[in-house]
Amino acid sequence: IFSSQSATDTIPMVEVPNTQQFLPSLQKLPDHLIRLLENNTIVISTKFTWENCQAHTLSDGFFLCQPPSGFVHETGHLIDFYGINMQRGKDFALGKTDEEIRALANEYERMFSIPKDLDTKPSIFPGLPAGFLTEYSTNNIIENFADHFARYVELPEFFRERAVKDPGIAEKYEFLKTKIFLGKEY
């Protein structure tokens, strides 16, 4: 993984200034997920403004402009785009065979799509629809996955506690544990 100031300058991520702010989160990820991030250009901004807080897919890599606190969430987008939706091709898919790739994509779609009747789904958590950890995860399928991905890594006790009380959250936790993290729990 590299970070770059320009398209021609690259340095190993461990040499990026302020790496200590986000490297611990990156080191938590299993090797098979780290491989999905290899050979990408990643730009991380430590200055938070709404203008530099966007993630952009470019032809030569994926640029993440995000304060370190959102690094795992943005990494979840990369796992989604490359490992599930195969924007870099089938070699990067989390499934091995065509059938496994289709099954994973279908399960992802079923689980993380935002239902049309979202507002009517009762929840035991005030202000949240059933099956969601945060209000932000109700925006769209992409944010739903990345938000749950980040909480799986960064707030596992919170996620598991909610999963005990909400079957939709429990299903997402199990999907992340078995299909994305291949059994690794935090």
C-alpha atoms as a PDB file:
ATOM      1  CA  ILE A   1       0.000   0.000   0.000  1.00  0.00           C
ATOM      2  CA  PHE A   2       1.327   3.374  -0.891  1.00  0.00           C
ATOM      3  CA  SER A   3       0.452   6.947  -0.165  1.00  0.00           C
ATOM      4  CA  SER A   4       1.235   9.668  -2.618  1.00  0.00           C
ATOM      5  CA  GLN A   5       1.336  13.458  -2.802  1.00  0.00           C
ATOM      6  CA  SER A   6       1.212  13.295  -6.590  1.00  0.00           C
ATOM      7  CA  ALA A   7       0.729  10.653  -9.236  1.00  0.00           C
ATOM      8  CA  THR A   8       4.487  10.175  -9.590  1.00  0.00           C
ATOM      9  CA  ASP A   9       5.667  10.280  -5.965  1.00  0.00           C
ATOM     10  CA  THR A  10       5.094   7.129  -3.934  1.00  0.00           C
ATOM     11  CA  ILE A  11       6.355   6.104  -0.526  1.00  0.00           C
ATOM     12  CA  PRO A  12       5.595   3.062   1.611  1.00  0.00           C
ATOM     13  CA  MET A  13       2.650   3.684   3.898  1.00  0.00           C
ATOM     14  CA  VAL A  14       4.803   3.217   7.010  1.00  0.00           C
ATOM     15  CA  GLU A  15       6.762   6.318   5.954  1.00  0.00           C
ATOM     16  CA  VAL A  16       3.670   8.526   5.665  1.00  0.00           C
ATOM     17  CA  PRO A  17       3.658  11.305   8.270  1.00  0.00           C
ATOM     18  CA  ASN A  18       1.218  10.651  11.137  1.00  0.00           C
ATOM     19  CA  THR A  19       0.977   6.963  10.204  1.00  0.00           C
ATOM     20  CA  GLN A  20       0.692   6.141  13.896  1.00  0.00           C
ATOM     21  CA  GLN A  21      -2.814   7.638  13.789  1.00  0.00           C
ATOM     22  CA  PHE A  22      -4.258   5.085  11.376  1.00  0.00           C
ATOM     23  CA  LEU A  23      -1.780   2.215  11.063  1.00  0.00           C
ATOM     24  CA  PRO A  24      -3.146   0.393  14.159  1.00  0.00           C
ATOM     25  CA  SER A  25      -6.547   0.161  12.466  1.00  0.00           C
ATOM     26  CA  LEU A  26      -4.984  -1.130   9.263  1.00  0.00           C
ATOM     27  CA  GLN A  27      -2.965  -3.721  11.186  1.00  0.00           C
ATOM     28  CA  LYS A  28      -6.181  -5.160  12.614  1.00  0.00           C
ATOM     29  CA  LEU A  29      -7.319  -6.314   9.177  1.00  0.00           C
ATOM     30  CA  PRO A  30      -6.619  -9.909   8.095  1.00  0.00           C
ATOM     31  CA  ASP A  31      -4.104 -10.487   5.298  1.00  0.00           C
ATOM     32  CA  HIS A  32      -6.710 -11.462   2.682  1.00  0.00           C
ATOM     33  CA  LEU A  33      -8.343  -8.015   3.057  1.00  0.00           C
ATOM     34  CA  ILE A  34      -5.009  -6.183   2.998  1.00  0.00           C
ATOM     35  CA  ARG A  35      -4.244  -7.877  -0.339  1.00  0.00           C
ATOM     36  CA  LEU A  36      -7.321  -6.172  -1.827  1.00  0.00           C
ATOM     37  CA  LEU A  37      -5.703  -2.820  -1.024  1.00  0.00           C
ATOM     38  CA  GLU A  38      -2.316  -3.559  -2.611  1.00  0.00           C
ATOM     39  CA  ASN A  39      -1.079  -1.366  -5.436  1.00  0.00           C
ATOM     40  CA  ASN A  40      -3.613   1.358  -4.805  1.00  0.00           C
ATOM     41  CA  THR A  41      -2.875   4.994  -4.363  1.00  0.00           C
ATOM     42  CA  ILE A  42      -4.306   6.107  -1.071  1.00  0.00           C
ATOM     43  CA  VAL A  43      -4.254   9.714   0.054  1.00  0.00           C
ATOM     44  CA  ILE A  44      -5.130  10.310   3.685  1.00  0.00           C
ATOM     45  CA  SER A  45      -5.732  13.816   4.929  1.00  0.00           C
ATOM     46  CA  THR A  46      -5.316  14.558   8.617  1.00  0.00           C
ATOM     47  CA  LYS A  47      -7.038  17.924   8.215  1.00  0.00           C
ATOM     48  CA  PHE A  48     -10.772  17.413   8.444  1.00  0.00           C
ATOM     49  CA  THR A  49     -13.017  19.540   6.246  1.00  0.00           C
ATOM     50  CA  TRP A  50     -16.057  18.471   4.271  1.00  0.00           C
ATOM     51  CA  GLU A  51     -14.178  19.337   1.092  1.00  0.00           C
ATOM     52  CA  ASN A  52     -11.370  16.827   1.753  1.00  0.00           C
ATOM     53  CA  CYS A  53     -13.546  14.152   3.336  1.00  0.00           C
ATOM     54  CA  GLN A  54     -14.677  12.484   0.126  1.00  0.00           C
ATOM     55  CA  ALA A  55     -13.564   9.172  -1.331  1.00  0.00           C
ATOM     56  CA  HIS A  56     -12.962   9.088  -5.069  1.00  0.00           C
ATOM     57  CA  THR A  57     -12.289   6.205  -7.425  1.00  0.00           C
ATOM     58  CA  LEU A  58      -9.776   7.179 -10.091  1.00  0.00           C
ATOM     59  CA  SER A  59      -8.343   5.182 -12.961  1.00  0.00           C
ATOM     60  CA  ASP A  60      -4.984   4.629 -11.252  1.00  0.00           C
ATOM     61  CA  GLY A  61      -6.216   3.856  -7.771  1.00  0.00           C
ATOM     62  CA  PHE A  62      -8.489   4.815  -4.963  1.00  0.00           C
ATOM     63  CA  PHE A  63      -7.995   8.080  -3.153  1.00  0.00           C
ATOM     64  CA  LEU A  64      -9.251   8.368   0.397  1.00  0.00           C
ATOM     65  CA  CYS A  65      -9.267  11.832   1.842  1.00  0.00           C
ATOM     66  CA  GLN A  66     -10.384  11.176   5.345  1.00  0.00           C
ATOM     67  CA  PRO A  67      -9.315  11.985   8.868  1.00  0.00           C
ATOM     68  CA  PRO A  68      -7.675   8.973  10.529  1.00  0.00           C
ATOM     69  CA  SER A  69     -10.775   8.258  12.611  1.00  0.00           C
ATOM     70  CA  GLY A  70     -12.685   7.292   9.453  1.00  0.00           C
ATOM     71  CA  PHE A  71      -9.966   5.142   7.931  1.00  0.00           C
ATOM     72  CA  VAL A  72     -11.594   1.757   8.601  1.00  0.00           C
ATOM     73  CA  HIS A  73     -14.943   2.983   7.244  1.00  0.00           C
ATOM     74  CA  GLU A  74     -13.266   4.129   4.014  1.00  0.00           C
ATOM     75  CA  THR A  75     -11.342   0.846   3.857  1.00  0.00           C
ATOM     76  CA  GLY A  76     -14.746  -0.870   4.013  1.00  0.00           C
ATOM     77  CA  HIS A  77     -15.609   0.917   0.762  1.00  0.00           C
ATOM     78  CA  LEU A  78     -12.482  -0.534  -0.850  1.00  0.00           C
ATOM     79  CA  ILE A  79     -13.367  -4.038   0.329  1.00  0.00           C
ATOM     80  CA  ASP A  80     -16.867  -3.510  -1.069  1.00  0.00           C
ATOM     81  CA  PHE A  81     -15.698  -2.143  -4.448  1.00  0.00           C
ATOM     82  CA  TYR A  82     -12.842  -4.584  -4.984  1.00  0.00           C
ATOM     83  CA  GLY A  83     -13.716  -7.722  -3.013  1.00  0.00           C
ATOM     84  CA  ILE A  84     -17.475  -7.874  -3.517  1.00  0.00           C
ATOM     85  CA  ASN A  85     -18.273  -5.767  -6.583  1.00  0.00           C
ATOM     86  CA  MET A  86     -14.994  -6.666  -8.344  1.00  0.00           C
ATOM     87  CA  GLN A  87     -14.127  -3.242  -9.749  1.00  0.00           C
ATOM     88  CA  ARG A  88     -10.577  -4.552 -10.242  1.00  0.00           C
ATOM     89  CA  GLY A  89     -11.701  -7.827 -11.763  1.00  0.00           C
ATOM     90  CA  LYS A  90     -12.489 -11.356 -10.702  1.00  0.00           C
ATOM     91  CA  ASP A  91      -8.992 -12.022  -9.321  1.00  0.00           C
ATOM     92  CA  PHE A  92      -9.789  -9.727  -6.398  1.00  0.00           C
ATOM     93  CA  ALA A  93     -13.173 -11.221  -5.545  1.00  0.00           C
ATOM     94  CA  LEU A  94     -13.630 -12.602  -2.048  1.00  0.00           C
ATOM     95  CA  GLY A  95     -15.312 -15.659  -3.590  1.00  0.00           C
ATOM     96  CA  LYS A  96     -13.150 -18.204  -5.434  1.00  0.00           C
ATOM     97  CA  THR A  97     -15.540 -19.674  -7.986  1.00  0.00           C
ATOM     98  CA  ASP A  98     -18.157 -17.966 -10.163  1.00  0.00           C
ATOM     99  CA  GLU A  99     -20.870 -19.535  -8.041  1.00  0.00           C
ATOM    100  CA  GLU A 100     -19.286 -18.309  -4.764  1.00  0.00           C
ATOM    101  CA  ILE A 101     -18.801 -14.818  -6.211  1.00  0.00           C
ATOM    102  CA  ARG A 102     -22.461 -14.617  -7.273  1.00  0.00           C
ATOM    103  CA  ALA A 103     -23.657 -15.999  -3.927  1.00  0.00           C
ATOM    104  CA  LEU A 104     -21.593 -13.445  -1.987  1.00  0.00           C
ATOM    105  CA  ALA A 105     -22.826 -10.560  -4.166  1.00  0.00           C
ATOM    106  CA  ASN A 106     -26.450 -11.696  -3.822  1.00  0.00           C
ATOM    107  CA  GLU A 107     -26.177 -12.059  -0.054  1.00  0.00           C
ATOM    108  CA  TYR A 108     -24.495  -8.650   0.203  1.00  0.00           C
ATOM    109  CA  GLU A 109     -27.261  -7.080  -1.903  1.00  0.00           C
ATOM    110  CA  ARG A 110     -30.025  -8.695   0.163  1.00  0.00           C
ATOM    111  CA  MET A 111     -28.451  -7.803   3.469  1.00  0.00           C
ATOM    112  CA  PHE A 112     -27.185  -4.270   2.920  1.00  0.00           C
ATOM    113  CA  SER A 113     -29.754  -2.798   0.485  1.00  0.00           C
ATOM    114  CA  ILE A 114     -31.976  -0.207   2.082  1.00  0.00           C
ATOM    115  CA  PRO A 115     -35.568  -1.487   2.196  1.00  0.00           C
ATOM    116  CA  LYS A 116     -38.322   0.739   0.782  1.00  0.00           C
ATOM    117  CA  ASP A 117     -40.320   0.334   4.014  1.00  0.00           C
ATOM    118  CA  LEU A 118     -37.371   1.417   6.172  1.00  0.00           C
ATOM    119  CA  ASP A 119     -39.394   3.932   8.199  1.00  0.00           C
ATOM    120  CA  THR A 120     -41.975   1.356   9.195  1.00  0.00           C
ATOM    121  CA  LYS A 121     -39.565  -1.288  10.479  1.00  0.00           C
ATOM    122  CA  PRO A 122     -39.853  -1.342  14.277  1.00  0.00           C
ATOM    123  CA  SER A 123     -36.655  -1.240  16.313  1.00  0.00           C
ATOM    124  CA  ILE A 124     -35.773  -1.685  19.939  1.00  0.00           C
ATOM    125  CA  PHE A 125     -33.105   1.034  19.563  1.00  0.00           C
ATOM    126  CA  PRO A 126     -34.560   4.573  19.733  1.00  0.00           C
ATOM    127  CA  GLY A 127     -34.252   6.509  16.479  1.00  0.00           C
ATOM    128  CA  LEU A 128     -32.975   3.587  14.406  1.00  0.00           C
ATOM    129  CA  PRO A 129     -34.819   1.223  12.101  1.00  0.00           C
ATOM    130  CA  ALA A 130     -34.498  -2.477  12.784  1.00  0.00           C
ATOM    131  CA  GLY A 131     -31.295  -4.007  11.394  1.00  0.00           C
ATOM    132  CA  PHE A 132     -29.148  -0.857  11.495  1.00  0.00           C
ATOM    133  CA  LEU A 133     -26.369   0.159  13.869  1.00  0.00           C
ATOM    134  CA  THR A 134     -26.423   3.865  13.026  1.00  0.00           C
ATOM    135  CA  GLU A 135     -28.572   6.382  11.225  1.00  0.00           C
ATOM    136  CA  TYR A 136     -25.722   6.953   8.752  1.00  0.00           C
ATOM    137  CA  SER A 137     -25.921   3.335   7.610  1.00  0.00           C
ATOM    138  CA  THR A 138     -29.463   3.982   6.342  1.00  0.00           C
ATOM    139  CA  ASN A 139     -28.185   6.301   3.554  1.00  0.00           C
ATOM    140  CA  ASN A 140     -27.504   3.635   0.896  1.00  0.00           C
ATOM    141  CA  ILE A 141     -26.098   0.139   0.386  1.00  0.00           C
ATOM    142  CA  ILE A 142     -22.500   1.354   0.116  1.00  0.00           C
ATOM    143  CA  GLU A 143     -22.561   3.354   3.359  1.00  0.00           C
ATOM    144  CA  ASN A 144     -24.522   0.602   5.085  1.00  0.00           C
ATOM    145  CA  PHE A 145     -21.782  -1.926   4.348  1.00  0.00           C
ATOM    146  CA  ALA A 146     -18.876   0.419   5.192  1.00  0.00           C
ATOM    147  CA  ASP A 147     -20.502   1.548   8.434  1.00  0.00           C
ATOM    148  CA  HIS A 148     -21.073  -2.017   9.627  1.00  0.00           C
ATOM    149  CA  PHE A 149     -17.579  -3.023   8.427  1.00  0.00           C
ATOM    150  CA  ALA A 150     -16.005  -0.226  10.510  1.00  0.00           C
ATOM    151  CA  ARG A 151     -17.976  -1.085  13.609  1.00  0.00           C
ATOM    152  CA  TYR A 152     -17.113  -4.766  13.251  1.00  0.00           C
ATOM    153  CA  VAL A 153     -13.423  -3.799  13.525  1.00  0.00           C
ATOM    154  CA  GLU A 154     -13.481  -0.730  15.779  1.00  0.00           C
ATOM    155  CA  LEU A 155     -16.505  -1.326  18.051  1.00  0.00           C
ATOM    156  CA  PRO A 156     -16.981  -5.099  18.187  1.00  0.00           C
ATOM    157  CA  GLU A 157     -18.561  -5.162  21.661  1.00  0.00           C
ATOM    158  CA  PHE A 158     -21.145  -2.565  20.594  1.00  0.00           C
ATOM    159  CA  PHE A 159     -21.908  -4.554  17.421  1.00  0.00           C
ATOM    160  CA  ARG A 160     -22.255  -7.883  19.287  1.00  0.00           C
ATOM    161  CA  GLU A 161     -24.409  -6.302  22.004  1.00  0.00           C
ATOM    162  CA  ARG A 162     -26.800  -4.936  19.384  1.00  0.00           C
ATOM    163  CA  ALA A 163     -26.764  -8.239  17.472  1.00  0.00           C
ATOM    164  CA  VAL A 164     -28.089 -10.094  20.521  1.00  0.00           C
ATOM    165  CA  LYS A 165     -31.171  -7.855  20.507  1.00  0.00           C
ATOM    166  CA  ASP A 166     -31.769  -7.358  16.766  1.00  0.00           C
ATOM    167  CA  PRO A 167     -31.848 -10.305  14.304  1.00  0.00           C
ATOM    168  CA  GLY A 168     -31.066  -8.031  11.308  1.00  0.00           C
ATOM    169  CA  ILE A 169     -27.913  -6.781  12.978  1.00  0.00           C
ATOM    170  CA  ALA A 170     -27.036 -10.345  14.002  1.00  0.00           C
ATOM    171  CA  GLU A 171     -27.319 -11.424  10.356  1.00  0.00           C
ATOM    172  CA  LYS A 172     -24.982  -8.624   9.226  1.00  0.00           C
ATOM    173  CA  TYR A 173     -22.507  -9.512  11.971  1.00  0.00           C
ATOM    174  CA  GLU A 174     -22.480 -13.155  10.870  1.00  0.00           C
ATOM    175  CA  PHE A 175     -22.033 -12.149   7.204  1.00  0.00           C
ATOM    176  CA  LEU A 176     -19.040  -9.967   8.070  1.00  0.00           C
ATOM    177  CA  LYS A 177     -17.546 -12.623  10.344  1.00  0.00           C
ATOM    178  CA  THR A 178     -17.892 -15.558   7.959  1.00  0.00           C
ATOM    179  CA  LYS A 179     -17.826 -14.046   4.446  1.00  0.00           C
ATOM    180  CA  ILE A 180     -15.611 -10.985   4.793  1.00  0.00           C
ATOM    181  CA  PHE A 181     -13.327 -11.624   7.780  1.00  0.00           C
ATOM    182  CA  LEU A 182     -13.291 -15.428   7.301  1.00  0.00           C
ATOM    183  CA  GLY A 183     -13.840 -16.163  10.980  1.00  0.00           C
ATOM    184  CA  LYS A 184     -11.741 -13.397  12.531  1.00  0.00           C
ATOM    185  CA  GLU A 185     -13.487 -11.616  15.384  1.00  0.00           C
ATOM    186  CA  TYR A 186     -12.296  -8.653  17.412  1.00  0.00           C
END
